[in-house]
Amino acid sequence: MNKPLISKAFIANSVTSMNIFCGFMSIIYTSQNNFKYAAIFIITAAIFDTLDGIVARLLDTTSRFGVELDSLSDVVSFGAAPSFLIYKAYAFQFGPWGILLSACILIFGALRLARFNVMTEDLKTKGDFTGLPIPLAAITMTLLFFSFYREGRIIDPISYIVTPLIILLSILMVSKIRYSALPKLKDRKFKEKIFLFVILIAALILTIITNGQTLFFIFLSVILFGILRHFYYMITGKKFENGSGN
C-alpha cells in the first residue's frame, strides 16, 4: 500500500505551527507599536490552538509529540506575545518593575503548561483544568488592550485594574482552581472543541467590528465565575464534578 504524500501528523502539526506563527506576528506588530494588530494575531493564535485539537482528533493523530509542540506554541503565543504587548503598551512606564510585571504572564503561564504536561495521562481525554488555562488569560489581557487602549494609554477607569488583573491571572494559572474552556458544558471532549472553535471565530469577528469591549467583560466574567465556583464548593464541602482534567 502506498504511503500518503503528507502524513496525518504533519497536517495536525502544521496547524499547531500556525499558532506559533501568529504569536510571532503579534510580537512583530507590538514592536512596531501596532497594538491592535498584535491583539488580533493573539486571538487568531487561539483559533489555531483550538483547531489543532479538532484536526488531531479527526485524523486520530493525538500524540505526546503533539502535546509538547502545542505547549511550546502556547508559550510563544499566549506567554511571550501578550507579555511583550503588556510591556510596550503599559508596563514600560514602571521601569524594571514593569519588566517583572509584564513577565508574569509568560513565567506563570510556562509553569502552568509544564504542570499540565506532567499531569496529563490520557492524551485523548481532557476534562476540566486545574488552574486558569493560559489561552484564556492571554485573550482576556489582549481584549483589554484591544478595547481600551486610546491615544497611547489605557483609558480610565480601566487603567486602574490592569496591574491587579495581570497579577490575578498569573496566580490563577498556577492555582488549584478548576476551569473548563467554557464553564459547565455538558458535552465535553470533541464537541466542546468544535463549539469553542466556532465561538472563537465569532469572537474575533465581533472584536474587530465592535472593538471588543463586551467580549472583554464576558471573558472576565468566566474567570470570576471559576473563582466564585471554587469558593462555593469549598464552603459547602461539595466535590467538583468531572474533575478528570489537569
Protein backbone atom coordinates (compact mmCIF):
# COMPACT_ATOMS: atom_id res chain seq x y z
CA MET A 1 0.00 0.00 0.00
CA ASN A 2 1.36 3.41 -0.96
CA LYS A 3 2.03 5.82 1.87
CA PRO A 4 0.25 9.20 1.68
CA LEU A 5 2.38 12.09 0.44
CA ILE A 6 1.53 14.09 3.57
CA SER A 7 1.16 12.28 6.88
CA LYS A 8 -1.74 12.93 9.22
CA ALA A 9 0.65 14.04 11.95
CA PHE A 10 2.22 16.59 9.58
CA ILE A 11 -1.20 18.16 8.91
CA ALA A 12 -2.02 18.45 12.61
CA ASN A 13 1.43 19.81 13.50
CA SER A 14 1.20 22.34 10.66
CA VAL A 15 -1.95 23.75 12.22
CA THR A 16 -0.13 23.99 15.55
CA SER A 17 2.75 25.74 13.81
CA MET A 18 0.31 28.42 12.62
CA ASN A 19 -0.34 29.10 16.29
CA ILE A 20 3.38 29.81 16.75
CA PHE A 21 3.45 31.95 13.60
CA CYS A 22 0.56 34.09 14.84
CA GLY A 23 2.37 34.60 18.14
CA PHE A 24 5.48 35.71 16.26
CA MET A 25 3.42 38.10 14.11
CA SER A 26 1.92 39.57 17.27
CA ILE A 27 5.41 40.23 18.63
CA ILE A 28 6.40 41.94 15.38
CA TYR A 29 3.35 44.23 15.43
CA THR A 30 3.87 45.01 19.12
CA SER A 31 7.47 46.04 18.36
CA GLN A 32 6.02 48.45 15.76
CA ASN A 33 3.54 49.84 18.34
CA ASN A 34 0.64 48.46 16.32
CA PHE A 35 -1.18 47.02 19.29
CA LYS A 36 -4.49 46.42 17.50
CA TYR A 37 -2.94 44.01 15.02
CA ALA A 38 -0.83 42.45 17.76
CA ALA A 39 -4.01 41.68 19.70
CA ILE A 40 -5.78 40.28 16.63
CA PHE A 41 -2.93 37.84 16.00
CA ILE A 42 -3.04 36.58 19.60
CA ILE A 43 -6.76 35.88 19.23
CA THR A 44 -6.09 34.23 15.86
CA ALA A 45 -3.45 32.06 17.56
CA ALA A 46 -6.16 30.90 19.97
CA ILE A 47 -8.28 29.87 17.00
CA PHE A 48 -5.44 27.72 15.61
CA ASP A 49 -4.79 26.37 19.13
CA THR A 50 -8.36 25.07 19.19
CA LEU A 51 -8.31 23.96 15.56
CA ASP A 52 -5.22 21.77 16.00
CA GLY A 53 -7.06 19.72 18.61
CA ILE A 54 -10.01 19.28 16.25
CA VAL A 55 -7.74 18.21 13.39
CA ALA A 56 -5.78 15.81 15.61
CA ARG A 57 -8.97 14.10 16.74
CA LEU A 58 -10.44 13.94 13.24
CA LEU A 59 -7.26 12.36 11.91
CA ASP A 60 -6.68 10.31 15.10
CA THR A 61 -3.11 11.58 15.44
CA THR A 62 -3.07 12.59 19.11
CA SER A 63 0.46 12.02 20.42
CA ARG A 64 2.91 13.07 23.11
CA PHE A 65 4.85 14.99 20.46
CA GLY A 66 1.72 16.95 19.57
CA VAL A 67 1.08 17.78 23.23
CA GLU A 68 4.64 19.09 23.67
CA LEU A 69 4.52 21.10 20.43
CA ASP A 70 1.19 22.58 21.45
CA SER A 71 2.62 23.70 24.79
CA LEU A 72 5.68 25.25 23.14
CA SER A 73 3.33 27.12 20.80
CA ASP A 74 1.28 28.35 23.74
CA VAL A 75 4.38 29.70 25.48
CA VAL A 76 5.07 31.86 22.43
CA SER A 77 1.53 32.95 21.52
CA PHE A 78 -0.06 33.20 24.98
CA GLY A 79 3.04 33.84 27.09
CA ALA A 80 5.72 35.82 25.26
CA ALA A 81 3.39 37.70 22.88
CA PRO A 82 0.93 39.09 25.48
CA SER A 83 3.76 39.80 27.94
CA PHE A 84 5.57 41.88 25.31
CA LEU A 85 2.28 43.61 24.46
CA ILE A 86 1.73 44.43 28.14
CA TYR A 87 5.22 45.87 28.45
CA LYS A 88 5.18 48.00 25.28
CA ALA A 89 1.64 49.33 25.73
CA TYR A 90 1.56 49.79 29.50
CA ALA A 91 4.22 48.50 31.87
CA PHE A 92 7.27 50.23 30.31
CA GLN A 93 6.44 53.30 32.45
CA PHE A 94 7.34 51.40 35.62
CA GLY A 95 10.95 50.69 34.62
CA PRO A 96 12.42 47.43 35.98
CA TRP A 97 9.21 46.74 37.91
CA GLY A 98 7.33 46.96 34.65
CA ILE A 99 9.55 44.29 33.15
CA LEU A 100 8.82 41.97 36.07
CA LEU A 101 5.10 42.72 35.90
CA SER A 102 4.98 42.05 32.15
CA ALA A 103 6.90 38.80 32.53
CA CYS A 104 4.32 37.38 34.96
CA ILE A 105 2.00 36.11 32.22
CA LEU A 106 4.95 34.42 30.46
CA ILE A 107 6.56 32.89 33.56
CA PHE A 108 3.41 31.69 35.32
CA GLY A 109 1.95 30.56 32.02
CA ALA A 110 5.04 28.41 31.36
CA LEU A 111 4.77 26.94 34.86
CA ARG A 112 1.11 26.17 34.26
CA LEU A 113 1.86 24.43 30.95
CA ALA A 114 4.70 22.40 32.47
CA ARG A 115 2.38 21.20 35.25
CA PHE A 116 -0.29 20.32 32.71
CA ASN A 117 2.14 18.25 30.63
CA VAL A 118 3.50 16.19 33.52
CA MET A 119 -0.02 15.56 34.87
CA THR A 120 -1.59 14.57 31.55
CA GLU A 121 -2.01 10.80 31.35
CA ASP A 122 -4.75 10.10 28.81
CA LEU A 123 -3.92 12.23 25.76
CA LYS A 124 -7.34 11.70 24.19
CA THR A 125 -9.41 12.64 27.24
CA LYS A 126 -9.39 16.09 28.76
CA GLY A 127 -11.87 17.27 31.35
CA ASP A 128 -11.62 20.37 33.44
CA PHE A 129 -8.30 22.12 34.03
CA THR A 130 -6.50 22.74 37.30
CA GLY A 131 -5.58 26.39 37.11
CA LEU A 132 -6.63 29.01 34.57
CA PRO A 133 -5.71 27.89 31.01
CA ILE A 134 -3.05 30.19 29.56
CA PRO A 135 -5.06 30.97 26.36
CA LEU A 136 -7.93 32.30 28.49
CA ALA A 137 -5.55 34.51 30.48
CA ALA A 138 -3.87 35.77 27.30
CA ILE A 139 -7.11 36.52 25.46
CA THR A 140 -8.51 38.41 28.45
CA MET A 141 -5.46 40.69 28.64
CA THR A 142 -5.41 41.02 24.85
CA LEU A 143 -9.03 42.13 24.73
CA LEU A 144 -8.31 44.71 27.41
CA PHE A 145 -5.59 46.35 25.32
CA PHE A 146 -7.56 45.98 22.09
CA SER A 147 -10.66 47.59 23.56
CA PHE A 148 -9.42 50.22 25.98
CA TYR A 149 -6.10 51.48 24.60
CA ARG A 150 -6.54 55.05 23.35
CA GLU A 151 -4.01 57.69 22.39
CA GLY A 152 -1.04 55.99 23.99
CA ARG A 153 -2.66 54.83 27.23
CA ILE A 154 -5.34 52.64 28.81
CA ILE A 155 -8.42 54.77 29.37
CA ASP A 156 -9.80 55.36 32.88
CA PRO A 157 -11.19 53.69 34.92
CA ILE A 158 -9.94 50.51 33.21
CA SER A 159 -6.33 51.66 33.74
CA TYR A 160 -6.72 51.04 37.48
CA ILE A 161 -7.38 47.32 37.05
CA VAL A 162 -4.55 46.48 34.62
CA THR A 163 -1.86 45.68 37.21
CA PRO A 164 -4.20 43.81 39.62
CA LEU A 165 -5.61 41.83 36.69
CA ILE A 166 -2.15 40.79 35.49
CA ILE A 167 -1.28 39.60 38.99
CA LEU A 168 -4.63 37.82 39.42
CA LEU A 169 -4.39 35.99 36.10
CA SER A 170 -0.82 34.92 36.85
CA ILE A 171 -1.76 33.50 40.24
CA LEU A 172 -4.84 31.76 38.84
CA MET A 173 -2.76 29.93 36.23
CA VAL A 174 -0.78 28.12 38.93
CA SER A 175 -3.68 27.82 41.37
CA LYS A 176 -5.79 24.75 42.18
CA ILE A 177 -8.95 26.42 40.93
CA ARG A 178 -10.61 24.31 38.25
CA TYR A 179 -11.61 25.76 34.89
CA SER A 180 -13.01 24.42 31.66
CA ALA A 181 -12.76 26.05 28.23
CA LEU A 182 -16.37 27.10 28.72
CA PRO A 183 -17.99 26.75 32.15
CA LYS A 184 -20.30 23.79 32.74
CA LEU A 185 -20.53 22.41 29.23
CA LYS A 186 -22.42 19.14 29.48
CA ASP A 187 -20.87 17.53 26.39
CA ARG A 188 -17.10 17.96 26.51
CA LYS A 189 -14.22 16.49 24.54
CA PHE A 190 -14.60 16.71 20.75
CA LYS A 191 -17.94 18.54 20.56
CA GLU A 192 -16.62 21.12 23.02
CA LYS A 193 -13.66 21.72 20.71
CA ILE A 194 -15.95 22.33 17.74
CA PHE A 195 -18.20 24.64 19.76
CA LEU A 196 -15.24 26.56 21.17
CA PHE A 197 -13.72 26.94 17.70
CA VAL A 198 -16.94 28.49 16.37
CA ILE A 199 -17.13 30.81 19.38
CA LEU A 200 -13.54 31.97 18.89
CA ILE A 201 -14.18 32.71 15.21
CA ALA A 202 -17.24 34.74 16.22
CA ALA A 203 -15.23 36.41 18.96
CA LEU A 204 -12.56 37.51 16.50
CA ILE A 205 -15.17 38.97 14.14
CA LEU A 206 -17.02 40.72 16.98
CA THR A 207 -13.73 42.02 18.38
CA ILE A 208 -12.90 43.70 15.08
CA ILE A 209 -16.43 45.03 14.46
CA THR A 210 -17.42 46.15 17.97
CA ASN A 211 -13.98 46.99 19.40
CA GLY A 212 -14.21 44.03 21.76
CA GLN A 213 -15.32 45.76 24.96
CA THR A 214 -18.27 43.44 25.61
CA LEU A 215 -16.11 40.39 24.94
CA PHE A 216 -13.54 41.54 27.49
CA PHE A 217 -16.18 41.60 30.22
CA ILE A 218 -17.52 38.20 29.09
CA PHE A 219 -14.07 36.62 29.42
CA LEU A 220 -13.53 38.40 32.73
CA SER A 221 -16.86 37.01 33.95
CA VAL A 222 -15.79 33.46 33.02
CA ILE A 223 -12.63 33.91 35.09
CA LEU A 224 -14.51 35.33 38.08
CA PHE A 225 -17.10 32.56 37.77
CA GLY A 226 -14.35 30.00 38.27
CA ILE A 227 -13.20 31.73 41.45
CA LEU A 228 -16.72 32.00 42.87
CA ARG A 229 -17.45 28.37 41.98
CA HIS A 230 -14.26 27.26 43.73
CA PHE A 231 -15.17 29.04 46.96
CA TYR A 232 -18.76 27.77 46.74
CA TYR A 233 -17.56 24.15 46.64
CA MET A 234 -15.01 24.86 49.36
CA ILE A 235 -17.59 26.41 51.69
CA THR A 236 -20.35 23.86 51.04
CA GLY A 237 -17.98 20.90 51.07
CA LYS A 238 -19.27 19.60 47.76
CA LYS A 239 -16.96 17.84 45.33
CA PHE A 240 -16.18 19.32 41.95
CA GLU A 241 -17.89 17.42 39.12
CA ASN A 242 -15.93 15.96 36.20
CA GLY A 243 -12.56 16.79 37.69
CA SER A 244 -10.53 14.47 35.48
CA GLY A 245 -8.56 17.11 33.63
CA ASN A 246 -5.36 18.93 34.53
